Amino acid sequence: MLSSFMMVVLLGVAYKLYGGLSWMQAVFYGVGAAVIGIIAMSVYKLTTKSISKFNIEGIKKNWLLWVFFIIAIVVTVITEREEVLLFIIAGLIYMIIKAPPGFLKRSSTINIFLFADFGFWDYDSNNLRKIAWFFTEAGAFVFGSGLAIVPFLHAGVVKEYGWLTEQQFVDAVAVAMITPGPVVITVGFIGYLVAGFPGAVVASLCTFIPCYLFTVLPAPYFRKIAKNKSIKSFVDGITAAVVGALTGAVIVIAMRTLTDEYTALIAIAVVGLLIYFKKIQEPSIILAAALLGLLIKTTL
């Protein structure tokens, strides 16, 4: 994680120094649109792997998961935030219907369970405390792939705290896309923009430590519960809602990022490339989009 963390911090330095320049804005004009296409394609793949393929047989077989998926999309688009309680409720409902645990079978009260000068060291201690708490929540309560954290971050960073603008948030995701390591490393870039290097360190540590502990501590017991049908059904329900929320977040972010026909065409082109050229690497797409953004901005 250290190499990608260092890269996003350095990109954060450059972004703070040169983000106002026309060439930097032109680069992220194209990159932001490309990122929407990449995330949209990733969401499609997550949906087909986590729920089912988009065919009648798959939808009939997993109709309840599709209901969770659609509800999560609608709720995310309307509220513009990730509702963690919705995920838990979806998991509990699916577990109770598909594979209720023994203690629920024996109970008649099932319903009760449905409840420096360029900002390197610039930081505010109060802000650091807020960053620590918010990113700890992100690491502890966001389930799914690395991209699943995007709607949660968007709701907090842009909507709740107002640390970044919509464009800066999309740029932060773009930075994570062009560096090695998981998309989640975008928290380091966001932390740097909000509170310099201390913010980047706090955001990264608080995001990764909870999931690390959740992985290490239950590891000895994993074999005992991994094949438990109730546990599996609970996770399936949560996953369907999480992927739906991610889809909703893509819609929300796209409405703010794809501001004209050029950005829309870039996003559509990226989806097409990823469909027909499956071996193409995402950094290559980001680089091409950056050059295309420069070309469009300089010729318009």
C-alpha atoms as a PDB file:
ATOM      1  CA  MET A   1       0.000   0.000   0.000  1.00  0.00           C
ATOM      2  CA  LEU A   2       2.912   2.331   0.704  1.00  0.00           C
ATOM      3  CA  SER A   3       3.958   2.878  -2.925  1.00  0.00           C
ATOM      4  CA  SER A   4       0.471   3.830  -4.106  1.00  0.00           C
ATOM      5  CA  PHE A   5      -0.025   5.991  -0.992  1.00  0.00           C
ATOM      6  CA  MET A   6       3.165   7.945  -1.790  1.00  0.00           C
ATOM      7  CA  MET A   7       2.058   8.404  -5.391  1.00  0.00           C
ATOM      8  CA  VAL A   8      -1.365   9.830  -4.488  1.00  0.00           C
ATOM      9  CA  VAL A   9       0.236  12.209  -1.974  1.00  0.00           C
ATOM     10  CA  LEU A  10       2.660  13.496  -4.629  1.00  0.00           C
ATOM     11  CA  LEU A  11      -0.234  13.878  -7.060  1.00  0.00           C
ATOM     12  CA  GLY A  12      -2.068  15.740  -4.308  1.00  0.00           C
ATOM     13  CA  VAL A  13       0.859  18.159  -4.024  1.00  0.00           C
ATOM     14  CA  ALA A  14       0.778  18.758  -7.786  1.00  0.00           C
ATOM     15  CA  TYR A  15      -3.000  19.120  -7.763  1.00  0.00           C
ATOM     16  CA  LYS A  16      -2.900  21.774  -5.036  1.00  0.00           C
ATOM     17  CA  LEU A  17      -0.078  23.636  -6.775  1.00  0.00           C
ATOM     18  CA  TYR A  18      -1.346  23.491 -10.362  1.00  0.00           C
ATOM     19  CA  GLY A  19      -5.036  22.583 -10.099  1.00  0.00           C
ATOM     20  CA  GLY A  20      -6.042  26.073 -11.137  1.00  0.00           C
ATOM     21  CA  LEU A  21      -4.043  26.052 -14.373  1.00  0.00           C
ATOM     22  CA  SER A  22      -5.939  25.596 -17.606  1.00  0.00           C
ATOM     23  CA  TRP A  23      -3.862  22.597 -18.746  1.00  0.00           C
ATOM     24  CA  MET A  24      -4.498  20.750 -15.463  1.00  0.00           C
ATOM     25  CA  GLN A  25      -8.219  21.474 -15.702  1.00  0.00           C
ATOM     26  CA  ALA A  26      -8.196  20.238 -19.302  1.00  0.00           C
ATOM     27  CA  VAL A  27      -6.491  16.993 -18.267  1.00  0.00           C
ATOM     28  CA  PHE A  28      -9.098  16.251 -15.609  1.00  0.00           C
ATOM     29  CA  TYR A  29     -11.894  17.297 -17.972  1.00  0.00           C
ATOM     30  CA  GLY A  30     -11.131  14.191 -20.031  1.00  0.00           C
ATOM     31  CA  VAL A  31     -10.020  11.993 -17.139  1.00  0.00           C
ATOM     32  CA  GLY A  32     -13.163  12.652 -15.100  1.00  0.00           C
ATOM     33  CA  ALA A  33     -15.386  11.527 -17.960  1.00  0.00           C
ATOM     34  CA  ALA A  34     -13.257   8.419 -18.511  1.00  0.00           C
ATOM     35  CA  VAL A  35     -13.476   7.506 -14.838  1.00  0.00           C
ATOM     36  CA  ILE A  36     -17.286   7.535 -15.044  1.00  0.00           C
ATOM     37  CA  GLY A  37     -17.090   5.051 -17.918  1.00  0.00           C
ATOM     38  CA  ILE A  38     -14.634   2.819 -16.053  1.00  0.00           C
ATOM     39  CA  ILE A  39     -16.731   2.781 -12.879  1.00  0.00           C
ATOM     40  CA  ALA A  40     -19.918   2.137 -14.865  1.00  0.00           C
ATOM     41  CA  MET A  41     -18.297  -0.884 -16.511  1.00  0.00           C
ATOM     42  CA  SER A  42     -17.014  -2.122 -13.161  1.00  0.00           C
ATOM     43  CA  VAL A  43     -20.509  -1.818 -11.693  1.00  0.00           C
ATOM     44  CA  TYR A  44     -21.890  -3.885 -14.567  1.00  0.00           C
ATOM     45  CA  LYS A  45     -19.337  -6.637 -13.909  1.00  0.00           C
ATOM     46  CA  LEU A  46     -19.997  -6.534 -10.159  1.00  0.00           C
ATOM     47  CA  THR A  47     -23.733  -6.829 -10.778  1.00  0.00           C
ATOM     48  CA  THR A  48     -23.450  -9.875 -13.037  1.00  0.00           C
ATOM     49  CA  LYS A  49     -21.021 -11.613 -10.666  1.00  0.00           C
ATOM     50  CA  SER A  50     -22.787 -10.744  -7.410  1.00  0.00           C
ATOM     51  CA  ILE A  51     -26.452 -11.077  -8.381  1.00  0.00           C
ATOM     52  CA  SER A  52     -26.914 -12.702 -11.802  1.00  0.00           C
ATOM     53  CA  LYS A  53     -26.594 -12.042 -15.491  1.00  0.00           C
ATOM     54  CA  PHE A  54     -29.119  -9.749 -17.156  1.00  0.00           C
ATOM     55  CA  ASN A  55     -31.367 -12.512 -18.470  1.00  0.00           C
ATOM     56  CA  ILE A  56     -34.855 -13.772 -17.628  1.00  0.00           C
ATOM     57  CA  GLU A  57     -33.616 -16.963 -15.984  1.00  0.00           C
ATOM     58  CA  GLY A  58     -31.178 -15.146 -13.706  1.00  0.00           C
ATOM     59  CA  ILE A  59     -33.698 -12.465 -12.727  1.00  0.00           C
ATOM     60  CA  LYS A  60     -36.365 -15.083 -11.919  1.00  0.00           C
ATOM     61  CA  LYS A  61     -33.954 -17.105  -9.805  1.00  0.00           C
ATOM     62  CA  ASN A  62     -32.616 -14.138  -7.839  1.00  0.00           C
ATOM     63  CA  TRP A  63     -35.617 -11.817  -8.013  1.00  0.00           C
ATOM     64  CA  LEU A  64     -35.356 -10.729  -4.373  1.00  0.00           C
ATOM     65  CA  LEU A  65     -31.702  -9.722  -4.796  1.00  0.00           C
ATOM     66  CA  TRP A  66     -32.717  -7.689  -7.844  1.00  0.00           C
ATOM     67  CA  VAL A  67     -35.382  -5.981  -5.706  1.00  0.00           C
ATOM     68  CA  PHE A  68     -32.699  -5.030  -3.146  1.00  0.00           C
ATOM     69  CA  PHE A  69     -30.485  -3.840  -6.001  1.00  0.00           C
ATOM     70  CA  ILE A  70     -33.167  -1.573  -7.509  1.00  0.00           C
ATOM     71  CA  ILE A  71     -34.262  -0.199  -4.123  1.00  0.00           C
ATOM     72  CA  ALA A  72     -30.641   0.670  -3.310  1.00  0.00           C
ATOM     73  CA  ILE A  73     -30.252   2.478  -6.657  1.00  0.00           C
ATOM     74  CA  VAL A  74     -33.394   4.560  -6.070  1.00  0.00           C
ATOM     75  CA  VAL A  75     -32.509   5.394  -2.453  1.00  0.00           C
ATOM     76  CA  THR A  76     -28.935   6.381  -3.375  1.00  0.00           C
ATOM     77  CA  VAL A  77     -30.010   8.595  -6.282  1.00  0.00           C
ATOM     78  CA  ILE A  78     -32.668  10.331  -4.174  1.00  0.00           C
ATOM     79  CA  THR A  79     -30.674  10.765  -0.952  1.00  0.00           C
ATOM     80  CA  GLU A  80     -27.256  11.041  -2.660  1.00  0.00           C
ATOM     81  CA  ARG A  81     -25.689   9.041   0.157  1.00  0.00           C
ATOM     82  CA  GLU A  82     -25.006   5.438   1.103  1.00  0.00           C
ATOM     83  CA  GLU A  83     -27.514   4.059   3.627  1.00  0.00           C
ATOM     84  CA  VAL A  84     -25.673   1.431   5.658  1.00  0.00           C
ATOM     85  CA  LEU A  85     -28.862   0.443   7.502  1.00  0.00           C
ATOM     86  CA  LEU A  86     -30.422  -0.494   4.160  1.00  0.00           C
ATOM     87  CA  PHE A  87     -27.602  -2.995   3.544  1.00  0.00           C
ATOM     88  CA  ILE A  88     -28.027  -4.627   6.938  1.00  0.00           C
ATOM     89  CA  ILE A  89     -31.811  -4.870   6.537  1.00  0.00           C
ATOM     90  CA  ALA A  90     -31.389  -6.421   3.080  1.00  0.00           C
ATOM     91  CA  GLY A  91     -28.961  -8.971   4.502  1.00  0.00           C
ATOM     92  CA  LEU A  92     -31.255  -9.871   7.406  1.00  0.00           C
ATOM     93  CA  ILE A  93     -34.350 -10.201   5.194  1.00  0.00           C
ATOM     94  CA  TYR A  94     -32.550 -12.423   2.687  1.00  0.00           C
ATOM     95  CA  MET A  95     -31.067 -14.559   5.475  1.00  0.00           C
ATOM     96  CA  ILE A  96     -34.444 -15.023   7.166  1.00  0.00           C
ATOM     97  CA  ILE A  97     -36.150 -15.959   3.890  1.00  0.00           C
ATOM     98  CA  LYS A  98     -33.447 -18.140   2.324  1.00  0.00           C
ATOM     99  CA  ALA A  99     -31.672 -19.748   5.285  1.00  0.00           C
ATOM    100  CA  PRO A 100     -32.934 -18.692   8.715  1.00  0.00           C
ATOM    101  CA  PRO A 101     -30.550 -19.679  11.522  1.00  0.00           C
ATOM    102  CA  GLY A 102     -31.686 -22.230  14.087  1.00  0.00           C
ATOM    103  CA  PHE A 103     -32.515 -19.770  16.859  1.00  0.00           C
ATOM    104  CA  LEU A 104     -34.888 -17.900  14.511  1.00  0.00           C
ATOM    105  CA  LYS A 105     -36.656 -21.110  13.523  1.00  0.00           C
ATOM    106  CA  ARG A 106     -37.403 -21.750  17.181  1.00  0.00           C
ATOM    107  CA  SER A 107     -38.640 -18.212  17.791  1.00  0.00           C
ATOM    108  CA  SER A 108     -42.021 -16.744  16.982  1.00  0.00           C
ATOM    109  CA  THR A 109     -40.778 -13.168  17.212  1.00  0.00           C
ATOM    110  CA  ILE A 110     -38.766 -12.920  14.014  1.00  0.00           C
ATOM    111  CA  ASN A 111     -39.975  -9.388  13.265  1.00  0.00           C
ATOM    112  CA  ILE A 112     -37.891  -7.822  16.051  1.00  0.00           C
ATOM    113  CA  PHE A 113     -34.740  -8.527  14.020  1.00  0.00           C
ATOM    114  CA  LEU A 114     -35.858  -6.356  11.123  1.00  0.00           C
ATOM    115  CA  PHE A 115     -35.040  -3.178  13.039  1.00  0.00           C
ATOM    116  CA  ALA A 116       4.133  24.163   4.145  1.00  0.00           C
ATOM    117  CA  ASP A 117       3.441  26.552   1.526  1.00  0.00           C
ATOM    118  CA  PHE A 118       1.666  24.221  -0.754  1.00  0.00           C
ATOM    119  CA  GLY A 119      -0.307  22.715   2.074  1.00  0.00           C
ATOM    120  CA  PHE A 120       1.910  19.734   2.911  1.00  0.00           C
ATOM    121  CA  TRP A 121       1.702  20.361   6.657  1.00  0.00           C
ATOM    122  CA  ASP A 122      -1.404  22.555   6.669  1.00  0.00           C
ATOM    123  CA  TYR A 123      -4.011  21.012   8.919  1.00  0.00           C
ATOM    124  CA  ASP A 124      -6.474  21.804  11.648  1.00  0.00           C
ATOM    125  CA  SER A 125      -6.596  19.471  14.676  1.00  0.00           C
ATOM    126  CA  ASN A 126     -10.395  19.608  14.705  1.00  0.00           C
ATOM    127  CA  ASN A 127     -10.426  18.650  11.030  1.00  0.00           C
ATOM    128  CA  LEU A 128      -8.095  15.722  11.737  1.00  0.00           C
ATOM    129  CA  ARG A 129     -10.506  14.393  14.354  1.00  0.00           C
ATOM    130  CA  LYS A 130     -13.372  14.607  11.861  1.00  0.00           C
ATOM    131  CA  ILE A 131     -11.243  12.899   9.214  1.00  0.00           C
ATOM    132  CA  ALA A 132     -10.284  10.120  11.645  1.00  0.00           C
ATOM    133  CA  TRP A 133     -13.890   9.430  12.621  1.00  0.00           C
ATOM    134  CA  PHE A 134     -15.309   9.617   9.078  1.00  0.00           C
ATOM    135  CA  PHE A 135     -12.686   7.379   7.462  1.00  0.00           C
ATOM    136  CA  THR A 136     -12.884   4.874  10.332  1.00  0.00           C
ATOM    137  CA  GLU A 137     -16.587   4.600   9.529  1.00  0.00           C
ATOM    138  CA  ALA A 138     -15.700   4.152   5.865  1.00  0.00           C
ATOM    139  CA  GLY A 139     -13.295   1.319   6.655  1.00  0.00           C
ATOM    140  CA  ALA A 140     -15.628  -0.377   9.132  1.00  0.00           C
ATOM    141  CA  PHE A 141     -19.029  -0.148   7.461  1.00  0.00           C
ATOM    142  CA  VAL A 142     -18.484  -0.229   3.696  1.00  0.00           C
ATOM    143  CA  PHE A 143     -18.891  -3.700   2.227  1.00  0.00           C
ATOM    144  CA  GLY A 144     -18.042  -5.004  -1.227  1.00  0.00           C
ATOM    145  CA  SER A 145     -15.260  -4.218  -3.677  1.00  0.00           C
ATOM    146  CA  GLY A 146     -12.966  -1.206  -3.535  1.00  0.00           C
ATOM    147  CA  LEU A 147     -15.397   0.795  -5.665  1.00  0.00           C
ATOM    148  CA  ALA A 148     -18.148   0.299  -3.076  1.00  0.00           C
ATOM    149  CA  ILE A 149     -16.535   2.988  -0.924  1.00  0.00           C
ATOM    150  CA  VAL A 150     -17.129   5.668  -3.594  1.00  0.00           C
ATOM    151  CA  PRO A 151     -20.771   6.518  -2.708  1.00  0.00           C
ATOM    152  CA  PHE A 152     -19.958   6.561   1.026  1.00  0.00           C
ATOM    153  CA  LEU A 153     -17.033   8.937   0.459  1.00  0.00           C
ATOM    154  CA  HIS A 154     -19.084  11.123  -1.877  1.00  0.00           C
ATOM    155  CA  ALA A 155     -21.866  11.519   0.708  1.00  0.00           C
ATOM    156  CA  GLY A 156     -19.447  12.530   3.462  1.00  0.00           C
ATOM    157  CA  VAL A 157     -16.660  14.377   1.677  1.00  0.00           C
ATOM    158  CA  VAL A 158     -18.853  16.406  -0.691  1.00  0.00           C
ATOM    159  CA  LYS A 159     -22.325  16.538   0.859  1.00  0.00           C
ATOM    160  CA  GLU A 160     -21.911  16.329   4.622  1.00  0.00           C
ATOM    161  CA  TYR A 161     -18.592  18.069   5.315  1.00  0.00           C
ATOM    162  CA  GLY A 162     -18.085  20.010   2.083  1.00  0.00           C
ATOM    163  CA  TRP A 163     -14.355  19.253   2.080  1.00  0.00           C
ATOM    164  CA  LEU A 164     -14.235  18.841  -1.716  1.00  0.00           C
ATOM    165  CA  THR A 165     -16.298  20.022  -4.654  1.00  0.00           C
ATOM    166  CA  GLU A 166     -17.966  17.554  -7.027  1.00  0.00           C
ATOM    167  CA  GLN A 167     -15.164  18.022  -9.564  1.00  0.00           C
ATOM    168  CA  GLN A 168     -12.421  17.590  -6.968  1.00  0.00           C
ATOM    169  CA  PHE A 169     -14.047  14.342  -5.802  1.00  0.00           C
ATOM    170  CA  VAL A 170     -14.149  12.935  -9.332  1.00  0.00           C
ATOM    171  CA  ASP A 171     -10.519  14.000  -9.747  1.00  0.00           C
ATOM    172  CA  ALA A 172      -9.649  12.148  -6.532  1.00  0.00           C
ATOM    173  CA  VAL A 173     -11.172   8.932  -7.887  1.00  0.00           C
ATOM    174  CA  ALA A 174      -9.312   9.515 -11.150  1.00  0.00           C
ATOM    175  CA  VAL A 175      -6.002   9.803  -9.280  1.00  0.00           C
ATOM    176  CA  ALA A 176      -6.664   6.433  -7.625  1.00  0.00           C
ATOM    177  CA  MET A 177      -7.363   4.928 -11.052  1.00  0.00           C
ATOM    178  CA  ILE A 178      -3.992   5.952 -12.490  1.00  0.00           C
ATOM    179  CA  THR A 179      -1.902   4.719  -9.558  1.00  0.00           C
ATOM    180  CA  PRO A 180      -1.108   1.123  -8.602  1.00  0.00           C
ATOM    181  CA  GLY A 181      -3.002  -0.420  -5.737  1.00  0.00           C
ATOM    182  CA  PRO A 182      -6.736  -0.443  -4.953  1.00  0.00           C
ATOM    183  CA  VAL A 183      -9.181   2.351  -5.726  1.00  0.00           C
ATOM    184  CA  VAL A 184      -9.612   2.827  -1.979  1.00  0.00           C
ATOM    185  CA  ILE A 185      -6.217   4.554  -1.905  1.00  0.00           C
ATOM    186  CA  THR A 186      -8.102   7.636  -3.088  1.00  0.00           C
ATOM    187  CA  VAL A 187      -8.628   8.312   0.638  1.00  0.00           C
ATOM    188  CA  GLY A 188      -4.965   9.341   0.843  1.00  0.00           C
ATOM    189  CA  PHE A 189      -5.453  11.909  -1.915  1.00  0.00           C
ATOM    190  CA  ILE A 190      -8.665  13.201  -0.332  1.00  0.00           C
ATOM    191  CA  GLY A 191      -7.013  13.399   3.089  1.00  0.00           C
ATOM    192  CA  TYR A 192      -4.136  15.404   1.613  1.00  0.00           C
ATOM    193  CA  LEU A 193      -6.439  17.927  -0.069  1.00  0.00           C
ATOM    194  CA  VAL A 194      -8.370  18.412   3.173  1.00  0.00           C
ATOM    195  CA  ALA A 195      -5.546  18.505   5.737  1.00  0.00           C
ATOM    196  CA  GLY A 196      -2.171  18.106   4.046  1.00  0.00           C
ATOM    197  CA  PHE A 197       0.124  15.151   4.693  1.00  0.00           C
ATOM    198  CA  PRO A 198      -1.224  14.520   8.240  1.00  0.00           C
ATOM    199  CA  GLY A 199      -4.701  14.286   6.728  1.00  0.00           C
ATOM    200  CA  ALA A 200      -3.502  11.783   4.121  1.00  0.00           C
ATOM    201  CA  VAL A 201      -1.895   9.593   6.809  1.00  0.00           C
ATOM    202  CA  VAL A 202      -4.903   9.718   9.149  1.00  0.00           C
ATOM    203  CA  ALA A 203      -7.414   9.044   6.354  1.00  0.00           C
ATOM    204  CA  SER A 204      -5.434   6.081   5.030  1.00  0.00           C
ATOM    205  CA  LEU A 205      -4.749   4.470   8.407  1.00  0.00           C
ATOM    206  CA  CYS A 206      -8.311   4.910   9.647  1.00  0.00           C
ATOM    207  CA  THR A 207      -9.700   3.409   6.424  1.00  0.00           C
ATOM    208  CA  PHE A 208      -7.497   0.333   6.294  1.00  0.00           C
ATOM    209  CA  ILE A 209      -7.047  -0.605   9.965  1.00  0.00           C
ATOM    210  CA  PRO A 210     -10.709  -1.589  10.622  1.00  0.00           C
ATOM    211  CA  CYS A 211     -10.964  -3.920   7.620  1.00  0.00           C
ATOM    212  CA  TYR A 212      -7.528  -5.336   8.424  1.00  0.00           C
ATOM    213  CA  LEU A 213      -8.654  -6.167  11.951  1.00  0.00           C
ATOM    214  CA  PHE A 214     -11.976  -7.550  10.707  1.00  0.00           C
ATOM    215  CA  THR A 215      -9.996  -9.841   8.416  1.00  0.00           C
ATOM    216  CA  VAL A 216      -7.351 -10.980  10.906  1.00  0.00           C
ATOM    217  CA  LEU A 217      -9.423 -11.442  14.072  1.00  0.00           C
ATOM    218  CA  PRO A 218     -12.107 -13.794  12.680  1.00  0.00           C
ATOM    219  CA  ALA A 219      -9.664 -15.677  10.432  1.00  0.00           C
ATOM    220  CA  PRO A 220      -9.316 -18.700  12.794  1.00  0.00           C
ATOM    221  CA  TYR A 221     -13.112 -19.125  12.814  1.00  0.00           C
ATOM    222  CA  PHE A 222     -13.668 -18.541   9.108  1.00  0.00           C
ATOM    223  CA  ARG A 223     -13.714 -22.216   8.110  1.00  0.00           C
ATOM    224  CA  LYS A 224     -16.418 -22.909  10.660  1.00  0.00           C
ATOM    225  CA  ILE A 225     -18.811 -20.251   9.358  1.00  0.00           C
ATOM    226  CA  ALA A 226     -17.861 -19.921   5.672  1.00  0.00           C
ATOM    227  CA  LYS A 227     -20.257 -22.653   4.545  1.00  0.00           C
ATOM    228  CA  ASN A 228     -23.067 -21.649   6.903  1.00  0.00           C
ATOM    229  CA  LYS A 229     -26.134 -21.063   4.714  1.00  0.00           C
ATOM    230  CA  SER A 230     -27.501 -18.324   6.966  1.00  0.00           C
ATOM    231  CA  ILE A 231     -24.235 -16.374   6.879  1.00  0.00           C
ATOM    232  CA  LYS A 232     -23.980 -16.781   3.110  1.00  0.00           C
ATOM    233  CA  SER A 233     -27.557 -15.576   2.582  1.00  0.00           C
ATOM    234  CA  PHE A 234     -26.934 -12.566   4.845  1.00  0.00           C
ATOM    235  CA  VAL A 235     -23.859 -11.599   2.807  1.00  0.00           C
ATOM    236  CA  ASP A 236     -25.733 -12.135  -0.491  1.00  0.00           C
ATOM    237  CA  GLY A 237     -28.480  -9.755   0.613  1.00  0.00           C
ATOM    238  CA  ILE A 238     -25.983  -7.107   1.681  1.00  0.00           C
ATOM    239  CA  THR A 239     -24.017  -7.481  -1.555  1.00  0.00           C
ATOM    240  CA  ALA A 240     -27.090  -6.916  -3.742  1.00  0.00           C
ATOM    241  CA  ALA A 241     -27.912  -3.693  -1.888  1.00  0.00           C
ATOM    242  CA  VAL A 242     -24.278  -2.515  -1.959  1.00  0.00           C
ATOM    243  CA  VAL A 243     -23.980  -3.002  -5.726  1.00  0.00           C
ATOM    244  CA  GLY A 244     -27.277  -1.164  -6.163  1.00  0.00           C
ATOM    245  CA  ALA A 245     -25.994   1.734  -4.068  1.00  0.00           C
ATOM    246  CA  LEU A 246     -22.815   1.827  -6.140  1.00  0.00           C
ATOM    247  CA  THR A 247     -24.890   1.958  -9.328  1.00  0.00           C
ATOM    248  CA  GLY A 248     -26.914   4.811  -7.876  1.00  0.00           C
ATOM    249  CA  ALA A 249     -23.721   6.651  -6.940  1.00  0.00           C
ATOM    250  CA  VAL A 250     -22.442   6.328 -10.512  1.00  0.00           C
ATOM    251  CA  ILE A 251     -25.680   7.938 -11.733  1.00  0.00           C
ATOM    252  CA  VAL A 252     -25.373  10.792  -9.209  1.00  0.00           C
ATOM    253  CA  ILE A 253     -21.725  11.502 -10.014  1.00  0.00           C
ATOM    254  CA  ALA A 254     -22.284  11.154 -13.772  1.00  0.00           C
ATOM    255  CA  MET A 255     -25.038  13.792 -13.708  1.00  0.00           C
ATOM    256  CA  ARG A 256     -22.516  16.244 -12.281  1.00  0.00           C
ATOM    257  CA  THR A 257     -19.461  15.211 -14.293  1.00  0.00           C
ATOM    258  CA  LEU A 258     -20.822  14.631 -17.799  1.00  0.00           C
ATOM    259  CA  THR A 259     -21.644  18.279 -18.399  1.00  0.00           C
ATOM    260  CA  ASP A 260     -21.607  18.356 -22.209  1.00  0.00           C
ATOM    261  CA  GLU A 261     -21.643  16.131 -25.284  1.00  0.00           C
ATOM    262  CA  TYR A 262     -17.854  15.688 -25.268  1.00  0.00           C
ATOM    263  CA  THR A 263     -17.660  14.267 -21.737  1.00  0.00           C
ATOM    264  CA  ALA A 264     -20.681  12.043 -22.441  1.00  0.00           C
ATOM    265  CA  LEU A 265     -19.028  10.708 -25.603  1.00  0.00           C
ATOM    266  CA  ILE A 266     -15.765  10.034 -23.734  1.00  0.00           C
ATOM    267  CA  ALA A 267     -17.613   8.036 -21.059  1.00  0.00           C
ATOM    268  CA  ILE A 268     -19.550   6.033 -23.671  1.00  0.00           C
ATOM    269  CA  ALA A 269     -16.364   5.404 -25.654  1.00  0.00           C
ATOM    270  CA  VAL A 270     -14.606   4.102 -22.536  1.00  0.00           C
ATOM    271  CA  VAL A 271     -17.451   1.658 -21.844  1.00  0.00           C
ATOM    272  CA  GLY A 272     -17.258   0.479 -25.457  1.00  0.00           C
ATOM    273  CA  LEU A 273     -13.488  -0.009 -25.255  1.00  0.00           C
ATOM    274  CA  LEU A 274     -13.765  -2.036 -22.060  1.00  0.00           C
ATOM    275  CA  ILE A 275     -16.469  -4.232 -23.603  1.00  0.00           C
ATOM    276  CA  TYR A 276     -14.680  -5.003 -26.860  1.00  0.00           C
ATOM    277  CA  PHE A 277     -11.045  -4.830 -25.715  1.00  0.00           C
ATOM    278  CA  LYS A 278     -11.064  -6.667 -22.403  1.00  0.00           C
ATOM    279  CA  LYS A 279      -7.279  -6.738 -22.019  1.00  0.00           C
ATOM    280  CA  ILE A 280      -6.865  -2.975 -22.255  1.00  0.00           C
ATOM    281  CA  GLN A 281      -5.389  -1.482 -19.076  1.00  0.00           C
ATOM    282  CA  GLU A 282      -7.219   1.280 -17.214  1.00  0.00           C
ATOM    283  CA  PRO A 283      -4.127   3.556 -16.860  1.00  0.00           C
ATOM    284  CA  SER A 284      -3.859   3.559 -20.665  1.00  0.00           C
ATOM    285  CA  ILE A 285      -7.479   4.707 -20.940  1.00  0.00           C
ATOM    286  CA  ILE A 286      -6.896   7.435 -18.352  1.00  0.00           C
ATOM    287  CA  LEU A 287      -3.801   8.688 -20.213  1.00  0.00           C
ATOM    288  CA  ALA A 288      -5.666   8.756 -23.533  1.00  0.00           C
ATOM    289  CA  ALA A 289      -8.576  10.602 -21.908  1.00  0.00           C
ATOM    290  CA  ALA A 290      -6.179  13.156 -20.434  1.00  0.00           C
ATOM    291  CA  LEU A 291      -4.664  13.850 -23.858  1.00  0.00           C
ATOM    292  CA  LEU A 292      -8.127  14.013 -25.393  1.00  0.00           C
ATOM    293  CA  GLY A 293      -9.220  16.498 -22.726  1.00  0.00           C
ATOM    294  CA  LEU A 294      -6.224  18.695 -23.539  1.00  0.00           C
ATOM    295  CA  LEU A 295      -7.019  18.500 -27.259  1.00  0.00           C
ATOM    296  CA  ILE A 296     -10.685  19.392 -26.779  1.00  0.00           C
ATOM    297  CA  LYS A 297     -10.006  22.289 -24.402  1.00  0.00           C
ATOM    298  CA  THR A 298      -7.260  23.783 -26.587  1.00  0.00           C
ATOM    299  CA  THR A 299      -9.285  23.594 -29.810  1.00  0.00           C
ATOM    300  CA  LEU A 300     -12.609  24.841 -28.434  1.00  0.00           C
END
